[in-house]
Amino acid sequence: MIALAGVRALCGAVSPPSPLSAAERLERQMRFIIETDKLKEVFRQSLVIQSRRRENSAEHSWHFALMIITLAEHSNHQPLDVLRVLKMVLIHDLVEIDAGDTYAYDTKNMVDQHEREAKAATRIFGLLPEDQTAEFRALWDEFEARETAEAKFAAACDRFHPMLLNCLSGGITWAKHGVTHDMVVARNQHAAEGSKAIWAYALRMIDEAVAAGTLTRKPD
């Protein structure tokens, strides 16, 4: 009988990579942490409520994460793995360091958005040790696929957040880009898959924005 080692050699089996030392792991993790500071320099179209300046993507991620731990009870699916949702939230927009923020109503740049962001995910998460690279990429892909309870709730809050800022900042960004009530509903209605309660709140909120004149309806 051929020894197991011999079978592996004949089949061209490759040994698993040698584990990193603690110092090497820390070095790679620090490179990732330093690289992700760049997210603070990526600006979104949404305006912060008080000063009406453009929000950066790191601020969005923080506020988004705070929404998750505050509103988790309103997920359609219980129990919810809140820690898993938080991990998705905190890493999801890191791809914007390379790919930039794609405005929700920019149909031209949305065509290749996923391709650009997936390439960025490969580079940025690849700075980490292999086990964390695999974990972070799996979480990012899970968010994108929007199939699990956690991903659906994350998506619901992700879509709700810019609507909230737009309503509370006078609809300036909506007006600038010619966004109408029907466009907001069409773009964000899948939020109901994650939280019917949050989507119902959003519908009331944008109806109030129409009544206040900060969001227009589609011309007849």
Protein backbone atom coordinates (compact mmCIF):
# COMPACT_ATOMS: atom_id res chain seq x y z
CA MET A 1 0.00 0.00 0.00
CA ILE A 2 1.31 3.41 -0.92
CA ALA A 3 1.92 5.60 2.10
CA LEU A 4 -0.44 8.54 2.52
CA ALA A 5 2.42 10.98 2.03
CA GLY A 6 3.23 9.27 -1.26
CA VAL A 7 -0.37 9.55 -2.46
CA ARG A 8 -0.34 13.24 -1.72
CA ALA A 9 2.90 13.67 -3.61
CA LEU A 10 1.57 11.76 -6.62
CA CYS A 11 -1.63 13.85 -6.62
CA GLY A 12 0.29 17.09 -6.38
CA ALA A 13 -1.26 17.96 -3.02
CA VAL A 14 -0.07 21.27 -1.63
CA SER A 15 0.59 21.67 2.06
CA PRO A 16 -1.36 24.44 3.83
CA PRO A 17 0.55 27.68 4.23
CA SER A 18 2.62 28.05 7.34
CA PRO A 19 0.78 30.04 10.02
CA LEU A 20 1.95 33.57 10.61
CA SER A 21 3.76 34.40 13.78
CA ALA A 22 1.95 36.63 16.27
CA ALA A 23 4.15 39.54 15.21
CA GLU A 24 3.42 38.95 11.50
CA ARG A 25 -0.34 38.74 12.16
CA LEU A 26 -0.25 41.98 14.10
CA GLU A 27 1.72 43.70 11.35
CA ARG A 28 -0.80 42.70 8.68
CA GLN A 29 -3.73 43.71 10.88
CA MET A 30 -2.12 47.10 11.52
CA ARG A 31 -1.64 47.63 7.77
CA PHE A 32 -5.35 47.01 7.33
CA ILE A 33 -6.31 49.38 10.16
CA ILE A 34 -4.08 52.14 8.75
CA GLU A 35 -5.43 51.62 5.21
CA THR A 36 -9.04 51.82 6.33
CA ASP A 37 -8.52 55.27 7.84
CA LYS A 38 -8.90 56.45 4.23
CA LEU A 39 -12.65 55.84 4.48
CA LYS A 40 -12.85 59.11 6.42
CA GLU A 41 -11.86 60.90 3.20
CA VAL A 42 -14.64 59.39 1.06
CA PHE A 43 -17.61 61.75 0.90
CA ARG A 44 -21.19 60.78 0.19
CA GLN A 45 -24.02 62.81 -1.31
CA SER A 46 -26.03 62.79 1.93
CA LEU A 47 -25.74 65.84 4.17
CA VAL A 48 -25.36 65.74 7.95
CA ILE A 49 -28.37 67.26 9.65
CA GLN A 50 -27.01 70.31 11.44
CA SER A 51 -24.19 71.82 9.39
CA ARG A 52 -25.54 70.49 6.06
CA ARG A 53 -22.03 69.46 5.00
CA ARG A 54 -21.48 66.22 3.10
CA GLU A 55 -21.23 63.13 5.26
CA ASN A 56 -18.18 60.93 4.89
CA SER A 57 -18.46 57.15 4.58
CA ALA A 58 -16.86 56.45 7.96
CA GLU A 59 -19.51 58.62 9.62
CA HIS A 60 -22.19 56.71 7.74
CA SER A 61 -20.75 53.40 8.94
CA TRP A 62 -20.76 54.58 12.56
CA HIS A 63 -24.33 55.91 12.44
CA PHE A 64 -25.43 52.80 10.54
CA ALA A 65 -23.91 50.54 13.24
CA LEU A 66 -25.62 52.56 15.96
CA MET A 67 -28.93 52.06 14.16
CA ILE A 68 -28.38 48.30 14.14
CA ILE A 69 -27.93 47.95 17.90
CA THR A 70 -30.78 50.38 18.59
CA LEU A 71 -33.34 48.99 16.13
CA ALA A 72 -32.49 45.26 16.10
CA GLU A 73 -35.77 44.38 17.80
CA HIS A 74 -37.61 45.57 14.67
CA SER A 75 -36.02 42.97 12.38
CA ASN A 76 -38.58 40.73 10.68
CA HIS A 77 -36.50 37.74 11.72
CA GLN A 78 -35.84 36.89 15.37
CA PRO A 79 -33.57 36.01 16.99
CA LEU A 80 -31.06 38.12 15.07
CA ASP A 81 -27.29 37.68 15.26
CA VAL A 82 -26.58 41.34 15.99
CA LEU A 83 -22.81 40.89 16.23
CA ARG A 84 -22.77 39.38 12.73
CA VAL A 85 -24.81 42.32 11.42
CA LEU A 86 -22.42 44.78 13.05
CA LYS A 87 -19.44 43.08 11.42
CA MET A 88 -21.12 43.40 8.02
CA VAL A 89 -21.94 47.04 8.64
CA LEU A 90 -18.45 48.05 9.71
CA ILE A 91 -16.68 46.44 6.75
CA HIS A 92 -19.26 46.85 3.98
CA ASP A 93 -18.32 50.36 2.84
CA LEU A 94 -14.54 49.90 3.12
CA VAL A 95 -14.53 49.09 -0.59
CA GLU A 96 -15.34 52.75 -1.24
CA ILE A 97 -11.70 53.55 -0.47
CA ASP A 98 -10.94 52.26 -3.98
CA ALA A 99 -14.32 52.30 -5.70
CA GLY A 100 -15.67 55.58 -4.33
CA ASP A 101 -19.23 56.13 -3.18
CA THR A 102 -21.80 55.43 -5.89
CA TYR A 103 -24.85 57.63 -5.48
CA ALA A 104 -28.04 55.64 -5.06
CA TYR A 105 -29.70 57.28 -8.09
CA ASP A 106 -26.66 57.38 -10.40
CA THR A 107 -27.79 54.70 -12.85
CA LYS A 108 -24.74 55.19 -15.08
CA ASN A 109 -22.16 54.41 -12.41
CA MET A 110 -24.29 51.68 -10.86
CA VAL A 111 -23.78 49.50 -13.94
CA ASP A 112 -20.30 48.36 -12.88
CA GLN A 113 -20.59 49.20 -9.18
CA HIS A 114 -20.48 45.62 -7.92
CA GLU A 115 -17.52 44.76 -10.15
CA ARG A 116 -15.53 47.77 -8.92
CA GLU A 117 -16.39 47.12 -5.31
CA ALA A 118 -15.63 43.39 -5.48
CA LYS A 119 -12.17 44.19 -6.85
CA ALA A 120 -11.66 46.63 -3.99
CA ALA A 121 -12.79 44.02 -1.48
CA THR A 122 -10.15 41.62 -2.77
CA ARG A 123 -7.37 44.16 -2.33
CA ILE A 124 -8.41 45.70 0.98
CA PHE A 125 -9.41 42.53 2.84
CA GLY A 126 -6.34 40.86 1.35
CA LEU A 127 -4.17 43.02 3.60
CA LEU A 128 -5.28 40.88 6.55
CA PRO A 129 -4.09 37.41 7.61
CA GLU A 130 -5.71 34.72 5.46
CA ASP A 131 -8.34 33.65 7.99
CA GLN A 132 -9.56 37.21 8.47
CA THR A 133 -9.39 37.87 4.73
CA ALA A 134 -11.75 34.94 4.18
CA GLU A 135 -14.08 35.95 7.03
CA PHE A 136 -14.37 39.59 6.00
CA ARG A 137 -14.90 38.74 2.33
CA ALA A 138 -17.60 36.22 3.24
CA LEU A 139 -19.37 38.85 5.33
CA TRP A 140 -19.14 41.40 2.51
CA ASP A 141 -20.51 38.88 0.01
CA GLU A 142 -23.32 37.97 2.42
CA PHE A 143 -24.36 41.62 2.69
CA GLU A 144 -24.31 41.97 -1.09
CA ALA A 145 -26.39 38.83 -1.66
CA ARG A 146 -29.07 39.98 0.80
CA GLU A 147 -30.33 36.45 1.43
CA THR A 148 -29.81 35.89 5.16
CA ALA A 149 -31.88 37.47 7.93
CA GLU A 150 -28.83 39.44 9.07
CA ALA A 151 -28.06 40.76 5.59
CA LYS A 152 -31.68 41.74 5.00
CA PHE A 153 -31.83 43.72 8.22
CA ALA A 154 -28.48 45.36 7.48
CA ALA A 155 -29.76 46.36 4.03
CA ALA A 156 -32.96 47.78 5.53
CA CYS A 157 -31.03 50.09 7.84
CA ASP A 158 -28.50 50.96 5.13
CA ARG A 159 -31.31 52.16 2.87
CA PHE A 160 -33.16 53.94 5.66
CA HIS A 161 -30.18 56.01 6.81
CA PRO A 162 -29.78 58.31 3.75
CA MET A 163 -33.55 58.75 3.55
CA LEU A 164 -33.51 59.94 7.15
CA LEU A 165 -30.70 62.42 6.50
CA ASN A 166 -32.37 63.73 3.38
CA CYS A 167 -35.67 64.30 5.16
CA LEU A 168 -33.97 66.09 8.05
CA SER A 169 -31.67 68.24 5.88
CA GLY A 170 -34.39 69.79 3.77
CA GLY A 171 -34.17 67.39 0.84
CA ILE A 172 -31.28 69.41 -0.62
CA THR A 173 -29.55 66.41 -2.17
CA TRP A 174 -32.78 65.01 -3.59
CA ALA A 175 -33.55 68.36 -5.24
CA LYS A 176 -29.99 68.70 -6.57
CA HIS A 177 -30.22 65.36 -8.38
CA GLY A 178 -33.86 65.58 -9.42
CA VAL A 179 -34.93 62.70 -7.21
CA THR A 180 -38.68 62.28 -6.82
CA HIS A 181 -40.93 60.40 -4.41
CA ASP A 182 -41.46 57.46 -6.77
CA MET A 183 -37.69 57.09 -7.25
CA VAL A 184 -37.11 56.97 -3.49
CA VAL A 185 -39.79 54.31 -3.04
CA ALA A 186 -38.57 52.19 -5.96
CA ARG A 187 -34.94 52.34 -4.87
CA ASN A 188 -35.54 51.51 -1.21
CA GLN A 189 -38.63 49.32 -1.00
CA HIS A 190 -36.67 46.12 -0.45
CA ALA A 191 -35.98 47.46 3.06
CA ALA A 192 -39.28 45.80 3.94
CA GLU A 193 -37.57 42.42 3.52
CA GLY A 194 -35.49 43.20 6.59
CA SER A 195 -37.93 45.27 8.64
CA LYS A 196 -41.54 45.97 7.78
CA ALA A 197 -41.68 48.37 10.73
CA ILE A 198 -38.72 50.46 9.52
CA TRP A 199 -40.07 50.55 5.95
CA ALA A 200 -43.51 51.67 7.19
CA TYR A 201 -41.79 54.43 9.16
CA ALA A 202 -39.80 55.41 6.07
CA LEU A 203 -42.94 55.67 3.94
CA ARG A 204 -44.59 57.97 6.48
CA MET A 205 -41.40 60.01 6.66
CA ILE A 206 -41.08 60.56 2.93
CA ASP A 207 -44.80 61.33 2.62
CA GLU A 208 -44.25 64.05 5.22
CA ALA A 209 -41.31 65.29 3.15
CA VAL A 210 -43.62 65.61 0.15
CA ALA A 211 -46.16 67.50 2.25
CA ALA A 212 -43.40 69.81 3.49
CA GLY A 213 -42.14 70.46 -0.04
CA THR A 214 -38.71 68.86 0.51
CA LEU A 215 -39.46 65.98 -1.88
CA THR A 216 -41.48 66.26 -5.08
CA ARG A 217 -43.76 63.74 -6.72
CA LYS A 218 -43.19 62.54 -10.28
CA PRO A 219 -44.81 64.99 -12.71
CA ASP A 220 -47.99 63.68 -14.36
